Every structure is written in C-alpha cells, then in structure tokens.
N, C-alpha and C. Protein backbone atom coordinates (compact mmCIF):
# COMPACT_ATOMS: atom_id res chain seq x y z
N UNK A 1 -39.36 112.58 56.28
CA UNK A 1 -40.02 111.29 56.40
C UNK A 1 -39.40 110.27 55.43
N UNK A 2 -39.17 110.72 54.19
CA UNK A 2 -38.58 109.82 53.19
C UNK A 2 -37.18 109.38 53.61
N UNK A 3 -36.40 110.33 54.18
CA UNK A 3 -35.06 109.98 54.63
C UNK A 3 -35.10 108.96 55.76
N UNK A 4 -36.08 109.12 56.66
CA UNK A 4 -36.22 108.18 57.77
C UNK A 4 -36.54 106.78 57.28
N UNK A 5 -37.47 106.70 56.31
CA UNK A 5 -37.83 105.40 55.75
C UNK A 5 -36.64 104.76 55.03
N UNK A 6 -35.86 105.60 54.32
CA UNK A 6 -34.70 105.08 53.61
C UNK A 6 -33.69 104.49 54.57
N UNK A 7 -33.45 105.20 55.68
CA UNK A 7 -32.51 104.71 56.69
C UNK A 7 -33.01 103.40 57.30
N UNK A 8 -34.32 103.33 57.56
CA UNK A 8 -34.90 102.12 58.15
C UNK A 8 -34.70 100.91 57.24
N UNK A 9 -34.85 101.14 55.94
CA UNK A 9 -34.70 100.04 54.98
C UNK A 9 -33.24 99.68 54.72
N UNK A 10 -32.33 100.66 54.86
CA UNK A 10 -30.93 100.40 54.53
C UNK A 10 -30.14 99.79 55.68
N UNK A 11 -30.45 100.19 56.91
CA UNK A 11 -29.66 99.74 58.05
C UNK A 11 -29.68 98.22 58.23
N UNK A 12 -30.85 97.55 58.18
CA UNK A 12 -30.84 96.09 58.40
C UNK A 12 -29.93 95.31 57.48
N UNK A 13 -29.94 95.55 56.15
CA UNK A 13 -29.02 94.76 55.32
C UNK A 13 -27.56 95.06 55.58
N UNK A 14 -27.26 96.29 56.02
CA UNK A 14 -25.86 96.63 56.31
C UNK A 14 -25.39 95.96 57.59
N UNK A 15 -26.28 95.92 58.60
CA UNK A 15 -25.90 95.34 59.88
C UNK A 15 -26.01 93.82 59.89
N UNK A 16 -26.96 93.31 59.15
CA UNK A 16 -27.20 91.87 59.16
C UNK A 16 -27.07 91.31 57.74
N UNK A 17 -25.89 91.47 57.17
CA UNK A 17 -25.63 91.00 55.82
C UNK A 17 -25.71 89.48 55.74
N UNK A 18 -25.65 88.97 54.53
CA UNK A 18 -25.78 87.53 54.32
C UNK A 18 -24.65 86.75 54.97
N UNK A 19 -23.42 87.26 54.85
CA UNK A 19 -22.28 86.57 55.45
C UNK A 19 -21.11 87.53 55.57
N UNK A 20 -20.07 87.10 56.24
CA UNK A 20 -18.91 87.94 56.52
C UNK A 20 -17.67 87.38 55.83
N UNK A 21 -16.70 88.25 55.66
CA UNK A 21 -15.43 87.85 55.08
C UNK A 21 -14.26 88.48 55.82
N UNK A 22 -13.16 87.78 55.88
CA UNK A 22 -11.92 88.31 56.47
C UNK A 22 -10.77 87.92 55.55
N UNK A 23 -9.94 88.88 55.20
CA UNK A 23 -8.85 88.62 54.25
C UNK A 23 -7.53 89.12 54.81
N UNK A 24 -6.49 88.34 54.60
CA UNK A 24 -5.13 88.79 54.89
C UNK A 24 -4.41 88.90 53.55
N UNK A 25 -3.61 89.94 53.41
CA UNK A 25 -2.94 90.14 52.12
C UNK A 25 -1.51 90.63 52.31
N UNK A 26 -0.74 90.48 51.28
CA UNK A 26 0.64 90.96 51.24
C UNK A 26 0.93 91.40 49.82
N UNK A 27 1.90 92.27 49.66
CA UNK A 27 2.19 92.74 48.32
C UNK A 27 3.30 93.76 48.28
N UNK A 28 3.26 94.59 47.25
CA UNK A 28 4.32 95.57 47.00
C UNK A 28 3.68 96.95 46.85
N UNK A 29 4.18 97.91 47.63
CA UNK A 29 3.70 99.29 47.60
C UNK A 29 4.84 100.19 47.16
N UNK A 30 4.58 101.08 46.20
CA UNK A 30 5.62 101.95 45.65
C UNK A 30 5.20 103.42 45.79
N UNK A 31 5.32 104.02 47.00
CA UNK A 31 4.92 105.41 47.19
C UNK A 31 5.94 106.38 46.60
N UNK A 32 5.49 107.60 46.34
CA UNK A 32 6.38 108.61 45.77
C UNK A 32 7.45 109.05 46.76
N UNK A 33 7.16 109.00 48.07
CA UNK A 33 8.06 109.54 49.08
C UNK A 33 9.33 108.72 49.25
N UNK A 34 9.29 107.45 48.91
CA UNK A 34 10.45 106.59 49.15
C UNK A 34 10.43 105.41 48.18
N UNK A 35 11.43 104.56 48.29
CA UNK A 35 11.45 103.35 47.48
C UNK A 35 10.32 102.41 47.89
N UNK A 36 9.92 101.55 46.98
CA UNK A 36 8.86 100.60 47.27
C UNK A 36 9.33 99.47 48.18
N UNK A 37 8.35 98.72 48.68
CA UNK A 37 8.68 97.61 49.55
C UNK A 37 7.45 96.82 49.93
N UNK A 38 7.64 95.90 50.85
CA UNK A 38 6.58 94.99 51.29
C UNK A 38 5.48 95.74 52.04
N UNK A 39 4.22 95.40 51.75
CA UNK A 39 3.08 95.93 52.49
C UNK A 39 2.24 94.75 52.95
N UNK A 40 1.77 94.80 54.19
CA UNK A 40 0.92 93.76 54.77
C UNK A 40 -0.42 94.37 55.13
N UNK A 41 -1.50 93.58 55.01
CA UNK A 41 -2.80 94.15 55.29
C UNK A 41 -3.83 93.15 55.75
N UNK A 42 -4.94 93.71 56.25
CA UNK A 42 -6.11 92.92 56.68
C UNK A 42 -7.36 93.65 56.21
N UNK A 43 -8.36 92.88 55.76
CA UNK A 43 -9.62 93.47 55.33
C UNK A 43 -10.78 92.67 55.89
N UNK A 44 -11.73 93.36 56.51
CA UNK A 44 -12.95 92.74 56.98
C UNK A 44 -14.12 93.18 56.11
N UNK A 45 -15.02 92.24 55.79
CA UNK A 45 -16.14 92.55 54.91
C UNK A 45 -17.45 91.99 55.49
N UNK A 46 -18.54 92.68 55.19
CA UNK A 46 -19.88 92.19 55.45
C UNK A 46 -20.64 92.28 54.13
N UNK A 47 -21.08 91.16 53.61
CA UNK A 47 -21.74 91.11 52.31
C UNK A 47 -23.21 91.46 52.44
N UNK A 48 -23.62 92.53 51.75
CA UNK A 48 -25.02 92.92 51.69
C UNK A 48 -25.78 91.93 50.82
N UNK A 49 -25.18 91.52 49.71
CA UNK A 49 -25.71 90.46 48.87
C UNK A 49 -24.54 89.77 48.17
N UNK A 50 -24.83 88.95 47.20
CA UNK A 50 -23.79 88.16 46.52
C UNK A 50 -22.71 89.03 45.88
N UNK A 51 -23.08 90.22 45.41
CA UNK A 51 -22.17 91.03 44.60
C UNK A 51 -21.72 92.34 45.25
N UNK A 52 -22.07 92.58 46.51
CA UNK A 52 -21.73 93.86 47.14
C UNK A 52 -21.36 93.66 48.60
N UNK A 53 -20.26 94.27 49.00
CA UNK A 53 -19.84 94.20 50.40
C UNK A 53 -19.40 95.57 50.88
N UNK A 54 -19.55 95.79 52.17
CA UNK A 54 -18.97 96.95 52.84
C UNK A 54 -17.99 96.42 53.88
N UNK A 55 -17.00 97.23 54.22
CA UNK A 55 -16.04 96.73 55.19
C UNK A 55 -15.02 97.77 55.59
N UNK A 56 -13.90 97.31 56.09
CA UNK A 56 -12.81 98.18 56.51
C UNK A 56 -11.49 97.45 56.25
N UNK A 57 -10.43 98.22 56.15
CA UNK A 57 -9.12 97.60 55.93
C UNK A 57 -8.03 98.41 56.60
N UNK A 58 -6.99 97.72 56.96
CA UNK A 58 -5.82 98.34 57.58
C UNK A 58 -4.57 97.70 56.97
N UNK A 59 -3.53 98.48 56.78
CA UNK A 59 -2.28 97.93 56.24
C UNK A 59 -1.08 98.58 56.92
N UNK A 60 0.07 97.96 56.71
CA UNK A 60 1.31 98.44 57.34
C UNK A 60 2.44 98.39 56.32
N UNK A 61 3.15 99.52 56.22
CA UNK A 61 4.29 99.64 55.33
C UNK A 61 5.42 100.30 56.10
N UNK A 62 6.63 99.74 56.01
CA UNK A 62 7.78 100.28 56.75
C UNK A 62 8.94 100.50 55.81
N UNK A 63 9.64 101.62 56.03
CA UNK A 63 10.82 101.91 55.21
C UNK A 63 11.79 102.79 55.99
N UNK A 64 13.08 102.48 55.88
CA UNK A 64 14.13 103.35 56.39
C UNK A 64 14.90 103.88 55.19
N UNK A 65 15.02 105.19 55.11
CA UNK A 65 15.62 105.78 53.91
C UNK A 65 16.18 107.16 54.23
N UNK A 66 16.95 107.72 53.31
CA UNK A 66 17.46 109.09 53.42
C UNK A 66 16.46 110.01 52.74
N UNK A 67 15.83 110.87 53.52
CA UNK A 67 14.82 111.79 52.99
C UNK A 67 15.51 112.91 52.22
N UNK A 68 15.33 112.93 50.91
CA UNK A 68 16.02 113.91 50.07
C UNK A 68 15.51 115.33 50.32
N UNK A 69 14.22 115.47 50.68
CA UNK A 69 13.68 116.80 50.98
C UNK A 69 14.31 117.34 52.25
N UNK A 70 14.36 116.51 53.29
CA UNK A 70 14.99 116.92 54.54
C UNK A 70 16.48 117.16 54.33
N UNK A 71 17.11 116.36 53.49
CA UNK A 71 18.53 116.53 53.19
C UNK A 71 18.81 117.90 52.59
N UNK A 72 17.94 118.34 51.69
CA UNK A 72 18.12 119.66 51.07
C UNK A 72 17.95 120.77 52.09
N UNK A 73 17.04 120.57 53.08
CA UNK A 73 16.85 121.57 54.12
C UNK A 73 18.08 121.65 55.02
N UNK A 74 18.67 120.49 55.34
CA UNK A 74 19.88 120.47 56.16
C UNK A 74 21.00 121.24 55.47
N UNK A 75 21.19 120.99 54.18
CA UNK A 75 22.25 121.66 53.44
C UNK A 75 21.96 123.15 53.28
N UNK A 76 20.68 123.51 53.22
CA UNK A 76 20.31 124.92 53.06
C UNK A 76 20.66 125.73 54.30
N UNK A 77 20.39 125.15 55.48
CA UNK A 77 20.57 125.91 56.72
C UNK A 77 21.90 125.66 57.41
N UNK A 78 22.57 124.53 57.07
CA UNK A 78 23.81 124.22 57.76
C UNK A 78 24.98 124.02 56.82
N UNK A 79 24.74 124.22 55.53
CA UNK A 79 25.80 124.06 54.55
C UNK A 79 26.03 122.60 54.20
N UNK A 80 26.89 122.37 53.23
CA UNK A 80 27.20 121.01 52.79
C UNK A 80 28.25 120.44 53.73
N UNK A 81 27.85 119.48 54.55
CA UNK A 81 28.74 118.87 55.53
C UNK A 81 29.34 117.60 54.94
N UNK A 82 30.09 116.91 55.77
CA UNK A 82 30.58 115.59 55.37
C UNK A 82 29.39 114.72 54.96
N UNK A 83 29.53 113.98 53.86
CA UNK A 83 28.41 113.24 53.30
C UNK A 83 27.74 112.31 54.29
N UNK A 84 28.52 111.57 55.08
CA UNK A 84 27.94 110.61 56.01
C UNK A 84 27.18 111.32 57.12
N UNK A 85 27.67 112.49 57.57
CA UNK A 85 26.99 113.26 58.61
C UNK A 85 25.67 113.81 58.09
N UNK A 86 25.71 114.36 56.88
CA UNK A 86 24.51 114.93 56.29
C UNK A 86 23.44 113.87 56.10
N UNK A 87 23.82 112.71 55.57
CA UNK A 87 22.85 111.65 55.34
C UNK A 87 22.30 111.11 56.66
N UNK A 88 23.15 111.07 57.69
CA UNK A 88 22.68 110.59 58.98
C UNK A 88 21.61 111.51 59.54
N UNK A 89 21.78 112.81 59.36
CA UNK A 89 20.77 113.75 59.83
C UNK A 89 19.45 113.58 59.10
N UNK A 90 19.51 113.17 57.84
CA UNK A 90 18.30 113.05 57.03
C UNK A 90 17.74 111.63 56.99
N UNK A 91 18.34 110.70 57.74
CA UNK A 91 17.83 109.33 57.75
C UNK A 91 16.49 109.28 58.46
N UNK A 92 15.51 108.67 57.82
CA UNK A 92 14.15 108.63 58.33
C UNK A 92 13.68 107.18 58.41
N UNK A 93 13.09 106.83 59.55
CA UNK A 93 12.52 105.51 59.75
C UNK A 93 11.01 105.67 59.82
N UNK A 94 10.29 105.16 58.83
CA UNK A 94 8.87 105.48 58.68
C UNK A 94 7.99 104.23 58.72
N UNK A 95 6.89 104.34 59.48
CA UNK A 95 5.85 103.32 59.50
C UNK A 95 4.56 103.98 59.01
N UNK A 96 3.95 103.42 57.98
CA UNK A 96 2.70 103.95 57.42
C UNK A 96 1.56 102.99 57.75
N UNK A 97 0.48 103.54 58.35
CA UNK A 97 -0.66 102.71 58.75
C UNK A 97 -1.96 103.40 58.33
N UNK A 98 -2.49 103.11 57.14
CA UNK A 98 -3.79 103.64 56.75
C UNK A 98 -4.93 102.76 57.27
N UNK A 99 -5.99 103.41 57.76
CA UNK A 99 -7.20 102.72 58.22
C UNK A 99 -8.38 103.31 57.46
N UNK A 100 -9.08 102.48 56.69
CA UNK A 100 -10.11 103.00 55.79
C UNK A 100 -11.34 102.10 55.75
N UNK A 101 -12.49 102.73 55.47
CA UNK A 101 -13.70 101.99 55.16
C UNK A 101 -13.77 101.73 53.67
N UNK A 102 -14.42 100.64 53.28
CA UNK A 102 -14.39 100.25 51.87
C UNK A 102 -15.75 99.76 51.38
N UNK A 103 -15.94 99.86 50.08
CA UNK A 103 -17.09 99.28 49.38
C UNK A 103 -16.53 98.50 48.19
N UNK A 104 -16.99 97.27 48.02
CA UNK A 104 -16.49 96.41 46.94
C UNK A 104 -17.65 95.79 46.18
N UNK A 105 -17.55 95.82 44.87
CA UNK A 105 -18.57 95.22 44.00
C UNK A 105 -17.94 94.08 43.21
N UNK A 106 -18.61 92.93 43.21
CA UNK A 106 -18.10 91.73 42.54
C UNK A 106 -18.92 91.41 41.29
N UNK A 107 -18.23 90.93 40.25
CA UNK A 107 -18.88 90.60 38.98
C UNK A 107 -18.43 89.20 38.56
N UNK A 108 -19.35 88.22 38.55
CA UNK A 108 -18.97 86.86 38.15
C UNK A 108 -18.44 86.82 36.71
N UNK A 109 -17.30 86.18 36.53
CA UNK A 109 -16.70 86.00 35.20
C UNK A 109 -16.82 84.54 34.77
N UNK A 110 -16.47 83.65 35.67
CA UNK A 110 -16.59 82.20 35.50
C UNK A 110 -17.20 81.64 36.78
N UNK A 111 -17.64 80.40 36.77
CA UNK A 111 -18.21 79.83 38.00
C UNK A 111 -17.30 79.94 39.22
N UNK A 112 -15.99 79.93 39.00
CA UNK A 112 -15.07 80.00 40.14
C UNK A 112 -14.21 81.26 40.13
N UNK A 113 -14.52 82.22 39.26
CA UNK A 113 -13.73 83.45 39.17
C UNK A 113 -14.65 84.66 39.18
N UNK A 114 -14.34 85.63 40.04
CA UNK A 114 -15.04 86.91 40.09
C UNK A 114 -14.06 88.04 39.80
N UNK A 115 -14.51 89.02 39.04
CA UNK A 115 -13.78 90.29 38.95
C UNK A 115 -14.39 91.23 39.99
N UNK A 116 -13.60 92.19 40.46
CA UNK A 116 -14.15 93.13 41.44
C UNK A 116 -13.50 94.50 41.29
N UNK A 117 -14.24 95.50 41.73
CA UNK A 117 -13.72 96.86 41.85
C UNK A 117 -13.97 97.29 43.29
N UNK A 118 -13.05 98.05 43.85
CA UNK A 118 -13.17 98.43 45.25
C UNK A 118 -12.70 99.87 45.44
N UNK A 119 -13.29 100.54 46.41
CA UNK A 119 -12.90 101.90 46.76
C UNK A 119 -12.87 102.07 48.26
N UNK A 120 -11.91 102.82 48.77
CA UNK A 120 -11.75 103.01 50.21
C UNK A 120 -11.44 104.47 50.52
N UNK A 121 -11.93 104.95 51.65
CA UNK A 121 -11.58 106.28 52.16
C UNK A 121 -11.34 106.17 53.66
N UNK A 122 -10.45 107.02 54.17
CA UNK A 122 -10.18 107.00 55.60
C UNK A 122 -9.03 107.90 55.97
N UNK A 123 -8.27 107.50 56.97
CA UNK A 123 -7.13 108.26 57.47
C UNK A 123 -5.85 107.44 57.35
N UNK A 124 -4.76 108.15 57.11
CA UNK A 124 -3.45 107.50 57.11
C UNK A 124 -2.57 108.15 58.16
N UNK A 125 -1.99 107.32 59.02
CA UNK A 125 -1.08 107.81 60.03
C UNK A 125 0.35 107.36 59.73
N UNK A 126 1.29 108.28 59.92
CA UNK A 126 2.71 107.95 59.78
C UNK A 126 3.38 108.09 61.14
N UNK A 127 4.14 107.10 61.51
CA UNK A 127 5.00 107.16 62.68
C UNK A 127 6.42 107.30 62.16
N UNK A 128 7.05 108.45 62.46
CA UNK A 128 8.32 108.80 61.83
C UNK A 128 9.39 109.00 62.90
N UNK A 129 10.49 108.27 62.77
CA UNK A 129 11.64 108.44 63.65
C UNK A 129 12.80 108.98 62.81
N UNK A 130 13.41 110.06 63.29
CA UNK A 130 14.49 110.68 62.52
C UNK A 130 15.49 111.32 63.47
N UNK A 131 16.67 111.65 62.97
CA UNK A 131 17.69 112.32 63.75
C UNK A 131 17.38 113.81 63.84
N UNK A 132 17.56 114.37 65.03
CA UNK A 132 17.33 115.80 65.22
C UNK A 132 18.16 116.60 64.21
N UNK A 133 17.51 117.51 63.51
CA UNK A 133 18.18 118.25 62.44
C UNK A 133 19.32 119.11 62.96
N UNK A 134 19.28 119.50 64.27
CA UNK A 134 20.33 120.33 64.84
C UNK A 134 21.28 119.56 65.76
N UNK A 135 20.86 118.36 66.16
CA UNK A 135 21.72 117.53 67.00
C UNK A 135 21.56 116.08 66.55
N UNK A 136 22.49 115.62 65.74
CA UNK A 136 22.35 114.31 65.10
C UNK A 136 22.45 113.15 66.08
N UNK A 137 22.87 113.41 67.34
CA UNK A 137 22.95 112.34 68.32
C UNK A 137 21.61 112.07 68.99
N UNK A 138 20.62 112.93 68.75
CA UNK A 138 19.31 112.78 69.35
C UNK A 138 18.30 112.30 68.31
N UNK A 139 17.44 111.37 68.72
CA UNK A 139 16.37 110.88 67.86
C UNK A 139 15.05 111.51 68.28
N UNK A 140 14.21 111.77 67.32
CA UNK A 140 12.88 112.29 67.59
C UNK A 140 11.85 111.43 66.88
N UNK A 141 10.66 111.35 67.48
CA UNK A 141 9.56 110.59 66.90
C UNK A 141 8.39 111.53 66.68
N UNK A 142 7.85 111.52 65.49
CA UNK A 142 6.72 112.38 65.14
C UNK A 142 5.61 111.53 64.53
N UNK A 143 4.40 112.07 64.57
CA UNK A 143 3.28 111.45 63.87
C UNK A 143 2.72 112.46 62.87
N UNK A 144 2.26 111.96 61.75
CA UNK A 144 1.66 112.80 60.71
C UNK A 144 0.39 112.11 60.23
N UNK A 145 -0.64 112.92 59.91
CA UNK A 145 -1.93 112.37 59.52
C UNK A 145 -2.43 113.06 58.26
N UNK A 146 -3.24 112.32 57.51
CA UNK A 146 -3.87 112.92 56.34
C UNK A 146 -5.04 112.04 55.89
N UNK A 147 -5.97 112.67 55.17
CA UNK A 147 -7.05 111.94 54.51
C UNK A 147 -6.45 111.03 53.45
N UNK A 148 -6.97 109.82 53.34
CA UNK A 148 -6.44 108.86 52.36
C UNK A 148 -7.59 108.23 51.58
N UNK A 149 -7.31 107.92 50.32
CA UNK A 149 -8.28 107.17 49.52
C UNK A 149 -7.55 106.19 48.63
N UNK A 150 -8.29 105.18 48.19
CA UNK A 150 -7.69 104.13 47.37
C UNK A 150 -8.76 103.53 46.46
N UNK A 151 -8.41 103.29 45.22
CA UNK A 151 -9.30 102.60 44.28
C UNK A 151 -8.52 101.45 43.65
N UNK A 152 -9.24 100.37 43.35
CA UNK A 152 -8.54 99.23 42.79
C UNK A 152 -9.46 98.26 42.09
N UNK A 153 -8.86 97.31 41.43
CA UNK A 153 -9.60 96.26 40.74
C UNK A 153 -8.78 94.98 40.79
N UNK A 154 -9.45 93.85 40.60
CA UNK A 154 -8.73 92.59 40.67
C UNK A 154 -9.59 91.40 40.32
N UNK A 155 -9.04 90.21 40.57
CA UNK A 155 -9.72 88.95 40.32
C UNK A 155 -9.67 88.09 41.57
N UNK A 156 -10.76 87.37 41.81
CA UNK A 156 -10.86 86.48 42.97
C UNK A 156 -11.15 85.06 42.48
N UNK A 157 -10.38 84.10 42.96
CA UNK A 157 -10.52 82.70 42.54
C UNK A 157 -10.99 81.86 43.73
N UNK A 158 -12.05 81.10 43.54
CA UNK A 158 -12.63 80.31 44.61
C UNK A 158 -11.80 79.05 44.85
N UNK A 159 -11.21 78.96 46.04
CA UNK A 159 -10.48 77.76 46.42
C UNK A 159 -11.41 76.69 46.96
N UNK A 160 -12.49 77.13 47.60
CA UNK A 160 -13.47 76.23 48.18
C UNK A 160 -14.75 76.99 48.45
N UNK A 161 -15.69 76.37 49.17
CA UNK A 161 -16.95 77.03 49.46
C UNK A 161 -16.78 78.25 50.35
N UNK A 162 -15.76 78.25 51.19
CA UNK A 162 -15.58 79.33 52.16
C UNK A 162 -14.21 79.99 52.08
N UNK A 163 -13.52 79.84 50.98
CA UNK A 163 -12.18 80.45 50.87
C UNK A 163 -11.89 80.87 49.44
N UNK A 164 -11.23 82.01 49.30
CA UNK A 164 -10.85 82.57 48.00
C UNK A 164 -9.38 82.98 48.02
N UNK A 165 -8.79 82.99 46.85
CA UNK A 165 -7.48 83.60 46.64
C UNK A 165 -7.67 84.74 45.65
N UNK A 166 -7.06 85.90 45.92
CA UNK A 166 -7.30 87.04 45.04
C UNK A 166 -6.03 87.86 44.80
N UNK A 167 -6.05 88.59 43.71
CA UNK A 167 -5.01 89.55 43.38
C UNK A 167 -5.64 90.89 43.09
N UNK A 168 -4.99 91.96 43.52
CA UNK A 168 -5.58 93.30 43.39
C UNK A 168 -4.51 94.32 42.99
N UNK A 169 -4.85 95.18 42.06
CA UNK A 169 -4.00 96.30 41.67
C UNK A 169 -4.73 97.59 42.03
N UNK A 170 -4.11 98.42 42.88
CA UNK A 170 -4.77 99.62 43.40
C UNK A 170 -3.88 100.84 43.27
N UNK A 171 -4.54 102.00 43.36
CA UNK A 171 -3.81 103.27 43.47
C UNK A 171 -4.18 103.90 44.80
N UNK A 172 -3.17 104.24 45.58
CA UNK A 172 -3.35 104.82 46.91
C UNK A 172 -2.93 106.29 46.89
N UNK A 173 -3.67 107.14 47.62
CA UNK A 173 -3.36 108.57 47.63
C UNK A 173 -3.47 109.15 49.03
N UNK A 174 -2.41 109.79 49.50
CA UNK A 174 -2.42 110.57 50.74
C UNK A 174 -1.11 111.35 50.82
N UNK A 175 -1.10 112.39 51.66
CA UNK A 175 0.09 113.25 51.76
C UNK A 175 0.22 113.77 53.20
N UNK A 176 0.52 112.90 54.17
CA UNK A 176 0.67 113.35 55.56
C UNK A 176 1.84 114.32 55.70
N UNK A 177 1.72 115.22 56.68
CA UNK A 177 2.80 116.20 56.90
C UNK A 177 2.84 116.61 58.37
N UNK A 178 3.95 117.19 58.77
CA UNK A 178 4.11 117.75 60.10
C UNK A 178 5.09 118.91 60.02
N UNK A 179 5.09 119.77 61.03
CA UNK A 179 5.93 120.97 61.04
C UNK A 179 7.01 120.86 62.11
N UNK A 180 8.15 121.50 61.87
CA UNK A 180 9.23 121.53 62.85
C UNK A 180 9.97 122.86 62.74
N UNK A 181 10.66 123.23 63.81
CA UNK A 181 11.36 124.50 63.87
C UNK A 181 12.88 124.30 63.79
N UNK A 182 13.56 125.22 63.11
CA UNK A 182 15.02 125.23 63.06
C UNK A 182 15.51 126.65 63.30
N UNK A 183 16.72 126.76 63.82
CA UNK A 183 17.34 128.07 64.01
C UNK A 183 18.16 128.43 62.77
N UNK A 184 17.82 129.55 62.16
CA UNK A 184 18.56 130.03 61.00
C UNK A 184 19.86 130.64 61.50
N UNK A 185 20.99 130.03 61.15
CA UNK A 185 22.28 130.48 61.65
C UNK A 185 22.69 131.83 61.09
N UNK A 186 22.10 132.25 59.99
CA UNK A 186 22.44 133.55 59.40
C UNK A 186 21.73 134.69 60.11
N UNK A 187 20.46 134.49 60.46
CA UNK A 187 19.67 135.57 61.07
C UNK A 187 19.44 135.37 62.56
N UNK A 188 19.64 134.15 63.05
CA UNK A 188 19.38 133.86 64.45
C UNK A 188 17.91 133.65 64.76
N UNK A 189 17.08 133.69 63.76
CA UNK A 189 15.64 133.53 63.96
C UNK A 189 15.23 132.06 63.85
N UNK A 190 14.11 131.76 64.51
CA UNK A 190 13.54 130.42 64.43
C UNK A 190 12.59 130.37 63.25
N UNK A 191 12.79 129.40 62.39
CA UNK A 191 11.93 129.24 61.23
C UNK A 191 11.15 127.94 61.33
N UNK A 192 9.90 128.00 60.91
CA UNK A 192 9.04 126.83 60.90
C UNK A 192 9.04 126.22 59.50
N UNK A 193 9.39 124.94 59.43
CA UNK A 193 9.40 124.22 58.16
C UNK A 193 8.37 123.10 58.19
N UNK A 194 7.85 122.78 57.05
CA UNK A 194 6.88 121.68 56.94
C UNK A 194 7.49 120.55 56.12
N UNK A 195 7.41 119.37 56.66
CA UNK A 195 7.87 118.19 55.94
C UNK A 195 6.66 117.34 55.58
N UNK A 196 6.48 117.09 54.30
CA UNK A 196 5.35 116.27 53.85
C UNK A 196 5.87 114.98 53.24
N UNK A 197 5.03 113.97 53.26
CA UNK A 197 5.37 112.65 52.75
C UNK A 197 4.30 112.26 51.73
N UNK A 198 4.67 112.27 50.47
CA UNK A 198 3.73 111.91 49.41
C UNK A 198 3.64 110.38 49.35
N UNK A 199 2.58 109.85 49.96
CA UNK A 199 2.40 108.40 50.02
C UNK A 199 1.53 107.89 48.88
N UNK A 200 1.41 108.68 47.83
CA UNK A 200 0.63 108.26 46.66
C UNK A 200 1.44 107.27 45.83
N UNK A 201 0.78 106.23 45.37
CA UNK A 201 1.48 105.25 44.55
C UNK A 201 0.65 104.02 44.28
N UNK A 202 1.24 103.12 43.52
CA UNK A 202 0.57 101.88 43.10
C UNK A 202 0.82 100.78 44.13
N UNK A 203 -0.23 100.01 44.40
CA UNK A 203 -0.15 98.88 45.33
C UNK A 203 -0.57 97.61 44.59
N UNK A 204 0.24 96.57 44.70
CA UNK A 204 -0.11 95.28 44.12
C UNK A 204 -0.20 94.27 45.25
N UNK A 205 -1.38 93.64 45.43
CA UNK A 205 -1.61 92.76 46.57
C UNK A 205 -2.05 91.37 46.13
N UNK A 206 -1.66 90.38 46.92
CA UNK A 206 -2.22 89.03 46.87
C UNK A 206 -2.78 88.72 48.24
N UNK A 207 -3.84 87.92 48.28
CA UNK A 207 -4.40 87.62 49.58
C UNK A 207 -5.29 86.39 49.58
N UNK A 208 -5.62 85.96 50.80
CA UNK A 208 -6.55 84.86 51.02
C UNK A 208 -7.74 85.38 51.81
N UNK A 209 -8.93 85.03 51.36
CA UNK A 209 -10.16 85.48 52.01
C UNK A 209 -10.91 84.26 52.55
N UNK A 210 -11.44 84.42 53.77
CA UNK A 210 -12.21 83.35 54.41
C UNK A 210 -13.62 83.87 54.71
N UNK A 211 -14.62 83.08 54.39
CA UNK A 211 -16.02 83.49 54.51
C UNK A 211 -16.75 82.65 55.56
N UNK A 212 -17.71 83.29 56.22
CA UNK A 212 -18.54 82.56 57.18
C UNK A 212 -19.91 83.23 57.31
C-alpha cells in the first residue's frame, strides 16, 4: 500500500514537470581505446522543480584508427607481415553512440550562474567497420553493446529567460565487445577471439540549452 501511494505521488511531478529543456552540445572525448576527438550530443530534460531534472541524452563519437589489440592478434596468428599490410588489416572505423537516462541537480551560485552535478546510465552501441583479418580486401561491419554510465559536474550561465550556456566535465565508462573466429595456421583449428573497446575516459562539453 505504501509503495502504491509513493508511486501515485511521484509520477505526476515526473510526467508533468514545471518546464522542459533541450540542449545541444559539442566537445572533446578521450577514450582509452583510441585517440580523442570531437563528440556531439543532445540532451532532453524535464524539470521536476527549480533544482532537479530528469531526462535522457545521446551522443556520437567517430574515429578511424589502427587497433593495436587487433594488430597484435594479426601478428600472433599470421606473423609479422609488411607494415602497411598489417596496419591495413587492423584499421578500424568506429562510431560510438551511447543512449542514457539522466538525473541532474542544480545549485544556484550567482543570480545568473548555476553549478550542477549529473549522472547517467544506459547502453552504448558501437558500429565498427574493419578489414577481414584473413582477407584484407573484404570489409566487415560489427556491432558491440555494453552497459554505460557517466558522472559529471559543470557550470551553467543564463543567457536569457529561456536560454543557457554551459560547460561540463564528465567521466564516461563502458567496455563494448564482440567475438570473431580465426583459423590457426599452426593447428588448423578455428579459434574464437574477443575484441573489446575500452570507451572509458574524460569528456569535456560545451552546450546551449533552451527552456520552455
């Protein structure tokens, strides 16, 4: 009975918050799996009250690089080949798209400046294009998924009654992976290998938020 009453009291403010927010952001993401680069994102918010919002966010990060883990596997099973051939086999084209729900708490610092802390949990999907490890003339596309979380803090500056500019420093964590088979030339057996992508790292974002 108590749980039912709690749900009844909580659902209305979550569904019918005081106002909504939509933010577009851009910044720099530096994951462990590859070099850092540009990240783009969108965040939707519903404010329960002046200092608390719930919402969701999605971002996109793209990188083309030589996967050193895959490179070591190529050399392990096929020997050290010509450098350009080996690197071509290990070249990876990666798109990272995390989709997460978020909770953000705001703390007024000045009349036009708020500090905030935010936390998000959800799923991260990787779309990965790479050269076939046994036939470098063929391309393959794989997807990898993993649980993702992110925590961050920042400052928001009021540009007007319905618009803000903000900066955020966050830490992102996820480790998507997928499996693939190779033929061991020494034994003739098929071996299953797992390739993981450590997408954990620091994210620095700037963005504009619009309220209604």
